[in-house]
Amino acid sequence: MQLPKSTNLKISTQKISVQGPFLEKADFCEPILHALPEWFGIEEANQDYLDAIDRLPTFLALSREPERVIGFLTIYRHFPTAAEIYVAGVHPDYHRRGWGRALLQAAEAYLRKQGIEYLQVKTLSPSNPDLGYAQTRAFYLAMGFTPLEEFKSLWNENNPALLLIKKL
């Protein structure tokens, strides 16, 4: 599979290259979803994510050696001034190396140019003590998101959702 070439935005350093936004890149993101079963362990939900990745703007993080996609972030625009991180993931071999931050920064720069003022994300609430999602929440808090509301039954009773928001 040949890596995609960016047409809109490219952020690069020696270690990090983030490109996009792209459409129709589910084939590049699917291996990452499968590498993260703690977060993406429901196959039906994964198929919904892959369908969304093909139709929504998606940023890709690329490693240089070996050259491959190691992360992605897909955005959904709800209103003229509001968008959501619909799905995002970084391959576990590349966690805690700045790839998630780089993906988010690229998406935010793009969204600001589009006139977006608010970015939201939903993740598992701290009402569920899952350690992986505690790390996810810590990441979003470190990136400037603020918890706004908990939804006990948005997904289901065992998976309460936490809505976080950030003013761009």
C-alpha atoms as a PDB file:
ATOM      1  CA  MET A   1       0.000   0.000   0.000  1.00  0.00           C
ATOM      2  CA  GLN A   2       1.536   3.305  -1.050  1.00  0.00           C
ATOM      3  CA  LEU A   3       1.468   6.011   1.607  1.00  0.00           C
ATOM      4  CA  PRO A   4      -0.770   8.977   0.794  1.00  0.00           C
ATOM      5  CA  LYS A   5       0.556  12.345  -0.258  1.00  0.00           C
ATOM      6  CA  SER A   6      -0.866  15.404   1.463  1.00  0.00           C
ATOM      7  CA  THR A   7      -2.646  18.114  -0.443  1.00  0.00           C
ATOM      8  CA  ASN A   8      -3.491  20.516   2.391  1.00  0.00           C
ATOM      9  CA  LEU A   9      -1.334  20.362   5.496  1.00  0.00           C
ATOM     10  CA  LYS A  10       2.003  18.854   6.377  1.00  0.00           C
ATOM     11  CA  ILE A  11       3.739  19.169   9.734  1.00  0.00           C
ATOM     12  CA  SER A  12       7.150  17.535   9.930  1.00  0.00           C
ATOM     13  CA  THR A  13      10.121  17.199  12.210  1.00  0.00           C
ATOM     14  CA  GLN A  14      12.900  14.643  12.074  1.00  0.00           C
ATOM     15  CA  LYS A  15      10.715  12.114  13.859  1.00  0.00           C
ATOM     16  CA  ILE A  16       7.149  13.223  13.175  1.00  0.00           C
ATOM     17  CA  SER A  17       5.291  13.763   9.933  1.00  0.00           C
ATOM     18  CA  VAL A  18       1.572  14.525  10.094  1.00  0.00           C
ATOM     19  CA  GLN A  19      -0.303  14.949   6.843  1.00  0.00           C
ATOM     20  CA  GLY A  20      -3.861  15.633   5.824  1.00  0.00           C
ATOM     21  CA  PRO A  21      -6.700  15.990   5.931  1.00  0.00           C
ATOM     22  CA  PHE A  22      -7.547  13.057   3.698  1.00  0.00           C
ATOM     23  CA  LEU A  23     -10.681  11.137   2.830  1.00  0.00           C
ATOM     24  CA  GLU A  24     -10.875   7.400   2.109  1.00  0.00           C
ATOM     25  CA  LYS A  25      -7.925   6.290   4.260  1.00  0.00           C
ATOM     26  CA  ALA A  26      -9.595   3.534   6.311  1.00  0.00           C
ATOM     27  CA  ASP A  27      -7.175   0.941   4.883  1.00  0.00           C
ATOM     28  CA  PHE A  28      -4.290   2.808   6.532  1.00  0.00           C
ATOM     29  CA  CYS A  29      -6.106   3.193   9.874  1.00  0.00           C
ATOM     30  CA  GLU A  30      -7.593  -0.279  10.261  1.00  0.00           C
ATOM     31  CA  PRO A  31      -4.333  -1.930  11.450  1.00  0.00           C
ATOM     32  CA  ILE A  32      -4.033   0.699  14.173  1.00  0.00           C
ATOM     33  CA  LEU A  33      -7.571   0.043  15.421  1.00  0.00           C
ATOM     34  CA  HIS A  34      -6.780  -3.674  15.629  1.00  0.00           C
ATOM     35  CA  ALA A  35      -3.532  -2.965  17.491  1.00  0.00           C
ATOM     36  CA  LEU A  36      -5.538  -1.178  20.213  1.00  0.00           C
ATOM     37  CA  PRO A  37      -8.089  -3.764  21.408  1.00  0.00           C
ATOM     38  CA  GLU A  38      -8.324  -2.133  24.858  1.00  0.00           C
ATOM     39  CA  TRP A  39      -9.853   0.920  23.173  1.00  0.00           C
ATOM     40  CA  PHE A  40     -11.253  -0.554  19.974  1.00  0.00           C
ATOM     41  CA  GLY A  41     -12.335  -4.077  20.867  1.00  0.00           C
ATOM     42  CA  ILE A  42     -15.867  -4.044  19.433  1.00  0.00           C
ATOM     43  CA  GLU A  43     -15.751  -5.073  15.777  1.00  0.00           C
ATOM     44  CA  GLU A  44     -19.122  -3.505  14.917  1.00  0.00           C
ATOM     45  CA  ALA A  45     -17.948  -0.168  16.331  1.00  0.00           C
ATOM     46  CA  ASN A  46     -14.643  -0.513  14.455  1.00  0.00           C
ATOM     47  CA  GLN A  47     -16.521  -0.903  11.180  1.00  0.00           C
ATOM     48  CA  ASP A  48     -18.471   2.280  11.967  1.00  0.00           C
ATOM     49  CA  TYR A  49     -15.165   4.064  12.635  1.00  0.00           C
ATOM     50  CA  LEU A  50     -13.671   2.812   9.361  1.00  0.00           C
ATOM     51  CA  ASP A  51     -16.739   3.960   7.427  1.00  0.00           C
ATOM     52  CA  ALA A  52     -16.390   7.394   9.055  1.00  0.00           C
ATOM     53  CA  ILE A  53     -12.652   7.569   8.299  1.00  0.00           C
ATOM     54  CA  ASP A  54     -13.446   7.074   4.617  1.00  0.00           C
ATOM     55  CA  ARG A  55     -15.928   9.967   4.534  1.00  0.00           C
ATOM     56  CA  LEU A  56     -14.567  12.431   7.128  1.00  0.00           C
ATOM     57  CA  PRO A  57     -11.357  14.506   7.169  1.00  0.00           C
ATOM     58  CA  THR A  58      -8.585  12.375   8.636  1.00  0.00           C
ATOM     59  CA  PHE A  59      -5.014  13.287   9.556  1.00  0.00           C
ATOM     60  CA  LEU A  60      -2.300  10.636   9.389  1.00  0.00           C
ATOM     61  CA  ALA A  61       0.911  10.368  11.408  1.00  0.00           C
ATOM     62  CA  LEU A  62       3.722   8.815   9.408  1.00  0.00           C
ATOM     63  CA  SER A  63       6.892   7.212  10.679  1.00  0.00           C
ATOM     64  CA  ARG A  64       9.994   7.538   8.560  1.00  0.00           C
ATOM     65  CA  GLU A  65      11.702   4.217   9.276  1.00  0.00           C
ATOM     66  CA  PRO A  66       9.946   2.017   8.520  1.00  0.00           C
ATOM     67  CA  GLU A  67       7.708   4.221   6.415  1.00  0.00           C
ATOM     68  CA  ARG A  68       4.160   3.540   7.569  1.00  0.00           C
ATOM     69  CA  VAL A  69       1.068   5.142   9.048  1.00  0.00           C
ATOM     70  CA  ILE A  70       1.274   4.859  12.837  1.00  0.00           C
ATOM     71  CA  GLY A  71      -1.559   7.144  13.924  1.00  0.00           C
ATOM     72  CA  PHE A  72      -4.664   8.961  12.781  1.00  0.00           C
ATOM     73  CA  LEU A  73      -7.242  11.500  13.916  1.00  0.00           C
ATOM     74  CA  THR A  74     -10.635  11.938  12.247  1.00  0.00           C
ATOM     75  CA  ILE A  75     -12.795  15.016  12.702  1.00  0.00           C
ATOM     76  CA  TYR A  76     -16.517  15.576  12.332  1.00  0.00           C
ATOM     77  CA  ARG A  77     -17.874  19.074  11.857  1.00  0.00           C
ATOM     78  CA  HIS A  78     -21.180  19.465  13.687  1.00  0.00           C
ATOM     79  CA  PHE A  79     -21.860  23.159  13.047  1.00  0.00           C
ATOM     80  CA  PRO A  80     -20.071  26.034  11.291  1.00  0.00           C
ATOM     81  CA  THR A  81     -18.088  26.779  14.470  1.00  0.00           C
ATOM     82  CA  ALA A  82     -17.952  23.395  16.232  1.00  0.00           C
ATOM     83  CA  ALA A  83     -16.243  20.082  15.485  1.00  0.00           C
ATOM     84  CA  GLU A  84     -15.492  16.804  17.225  1.00  0.00           C
ATOM     85  CA  ILE A  85     -12.605  14.372  17.337  1.00  0.00           C
ATOM     86  CA  TYR A  86     -14.629  11.458  16.032  1.00  0.00           C
ATOM     87  CA  VAL A  87     -11.942   8.789  16.383  1.00  0.00           C
ATOM     88  CA  ALA A  88      -8.200   8.829  16.947  1.00  0.00           C
ATOM     89  CA  GLY A  89      -5.501   6.307  17.648  1.00  0.00           C
ATOM     90  CA  VAL A  90      -1.756   5.832  17.717  1.00  0.00           C
ATOM     91  CA  HIS A  91      -0.154   2.410  17.368  1.00  0.00           C
ATOM     92  CA  PRO A  92       0.923   1.227  20.856  1.00  0.00           C
ATOM     93  CA  ASP A  93       4.583   0.950  19.749  1.00  0.00           C
ATOM     94  CA  TYR A  94       4.536   4.747  19.340  1.00  0.00           C
ATOM     95  CA  HIS A  95       2.636   5.825  22.466  1.00  0.00           C
ATOM     96  CA  ARG A  96       4.069   8.665  24.578  1.00  0.00           C
ATOM     97  CA  ARG A  97       6.351   9.948  21.806  1.00  0.00           C
ATOM     98  CA  GLY A  98       4.422  13.052  20.716  1.00  0.00           C
ATOM     99  CA  TRP A  99       2.418  11.535  17.865  1.00  0.00           C
ATOM    100  CA  GLY A 100      -0.982  12.150  19.455  1.00  0.00           C
ATOM    101  CA  ARG A 101       0.002  15.726  20.250  1.00  0.00           C
ATOM    102  CA  ALA A 102       1.209  16.273  16.671  1.00  0.00           C
ATOM    103  CA  LEU A 103      -2.012  14.855  15.220  1.00  0.00           C
ATOM    104  CA  LEU A 104      -4.124  17.058  17.470  1.00  0.00           C
ATOM    105  CA  GLN A 105      -2.081  20.173  16.683  1.00  0.00           C
ATOM    106  CA  ALA A 106      -2.416  19.558  12.937  1.00  0.00           C
ATOM    107  CA  ALA A 107      -6.178  19.064  13.239  1.00  0.00           C
ATOM    108  CA  GLU A 108      -6.538  22.192  15.380  1.00  0.00           C
ATOM    109  CA  ALA A 109      -4.571  24.317  12.882  1.00  0.00           C
ATOM    110  CA  TYR A 110      -6.779  23.077  10.065  1.00  0.00           C
ATOM    111  CA  LEU A 111      -9.980  23.653  12.049  1.00  0.00           C
ATOM    112  CA  ARG A 112      -8.972  27.208  12.997  1.00  0.00           C
ATOM    113  CA  LYS A 113      -8.498  27.991   9.289  1.00  0.00           C
ATOM    114  CA  GLN A 114     -12.016  26.617   8.713  1.00  0.00           C
ATOM    115  CA  GLY A 115     -13.469  29.003  11.323  1.00  0.00           C
ATOM    116  CA  ILE A 116     -14.020  26.346  13.972  1.00  0.00           C
ATOM    117  CA  GLU A 117     -14.057  27.825  17.488  1.00  0.00           C
ATOM    118  CA  TYR A 118     -14.795  24.754  19.627  1.00  0.00           C
ATOM    119  CA  LEU A 119     -13.462  21.227  19.493  1.00  0.00           C
ATOM    120  CA  GLN A 120     -15.046  18.430  21.505  1.00  0.00           C
ATOM    121  CA  VAL A 121     -14.182  14.835  22.228  1.00  0.00           C
ATOM    122  CA  LYS A 122     -16.049  12.061  24.011  1.00  0.00           C
ATOM    123  CA  THR A 123     -14.243   9.374  25.972  1.00  0.00           C
ATOM    124  CA  LEU A 124     -14.948   6.967  28.773  1.00  0.00           C
ATOM    125  CA  SER A 125     -15.859   8.793  31.985  1.00  0.00           C
ATOM    126  CA  PRO A 126     -13.820   8.404  35.190  1.00  0.00           C
ATOM    127  CA  SER A 127     -16.945   6.718  36.606  1.00  0.00           C
ATOM    128  CA  ASN A 128     -15.481   3.634  34.898  1.00  0.00           C
ATOM    129  CA  PRO A 129     -12.006   3.022  36.407  1.00  0.00           C
ATOM    130  CA  ASP A 130     -10.426   1.703  33.166  1.00  0.00           C
ATOM    131  CA  LEU A 131      -6.689   2.532  33.298  1.00  0.00           C
ATOM    132  CA  GLY A 132      -6.296   2.941  29.541  1.00  0.00           C
ATOM    133  CA  TYR A 133      -9.037   5.512  29.423  1.00  0.00           C
ATOM    134  CA  ALA A 134      -7.541   7.260  32.445  1.00  0.00           C
ATOM    135  CA  GLN A 135      -4.494   7.813  30.227  1.00  0.00           C
ATOM    136  CA  THR A 136      -6.731   9.011  27.402  1.00  0.00           C
ATOM    137  CA  ARG A 137      -8.416  11.550  29.700  1.00  0.00           C
ATOM    138  CA  ALA A 138      -5.015  12.693  31.028  1.00  0.00           C
ATOM    139  CA  PHE A 139      -3.870  13.294  27.449  1.00  0.00           C
ATOM    140  CA  TYR A 140      -6.884  15.434  26.577  1.00  0.00           C
ATOM    141  CA  LEU A 141      -6.622  17.399  29.825  1.00  0.00           C
ATOM    142  CA  ALA A 142      -2.916  18.046  29.124  1.00  0.00           C
ATOM    143  CA  MET A 143      -3.883  19.251  25.649  1.00  0.00           C
ATOM    144  CA  GLY A 144      -6.204  21.908  27.083  1.00  0.00           C
ATOM    145  CA  PHE A 145      -9.588  20.178  27.023  1.00  0.00           C
ATOM    146  CA  THR A 146     -12.040  20.802  29.860  1.00  0.00           C
ATOM    147  CA  PRO A 147     -14.577  18.224  31.082  1.00  0.00           C
ATOM    148  CA  LEU A 148     -18.053  19.551  30.361  1.00  0.00           C
ATOM    149  CA  GLU A 149     -20.576  16.806  31.093  1.00  0.00           C
ATOM    150  CA  GLU A 150     -20.937  13.120  31.872  1.00  0.00           C
ATOM    151  CA  PHE A 151     -23.558  11.071  30.023  1.00  0.00           C
ATOM    152  CA  LYS A 152     -24.352   7.901  31.960  1.00  0.00           C
ATOM    153  CA  SER A 153     -26.246   6.206  29.131  1.00  0.00           C
ATOM    154  CA  LEU A 154     -25.009   7.739  25.844  1.00  0.00           C
ATOM    155  CA  TRP A 155     -23.196   4.503  24.976  1.00  0.00           C
ATOM    156  CA  ASN A 156     -24.455   2.185  27.727  1.00  0.00           C
ATOM    157  CA  GLU A 157     -24.548   1.955  31.527  1.00  0.00           C
ATOM    158  CA  ASN A 158     -21.162   0.202  31.734  1.00  0.00           C
ATOM    159  CA  ASN A 159     -19.532   2.833  29.510  1.00  0.00           C
ATOM    160  CA  PRO A 160     -20.473   6.322  30.712  1.00  0.00           C
ATOM    161  CA  ALA A 161     -19.286   9.024  28.327  1.00  0.00           C
ATOM    162  CA  LEU A 162     -17.362  12.127  29.327  1.00  0.00           C
ATOM    163  CA  LEU A 163     -17.673  15.148  27.031  1.00  0.00           C
ATOM    164  CA  LEU A 164     -14.594  17.378  26.958  1.00  0.00           C
ATOM    165  CA  ILE A 165     -14.341  20.669  25.064  1.00  0.00           C
ATOM    166  CA  LYS A 166     -11.583  23.030  23.989  1.00  0.00           C
ATOM    167  CA  LYS A 167     -11.833  26.589  22.703  1.00  0.00           C
ATOM    168  CA  LEU A 168      -9.614  26.942  19.656  1.00  0.00           C
END
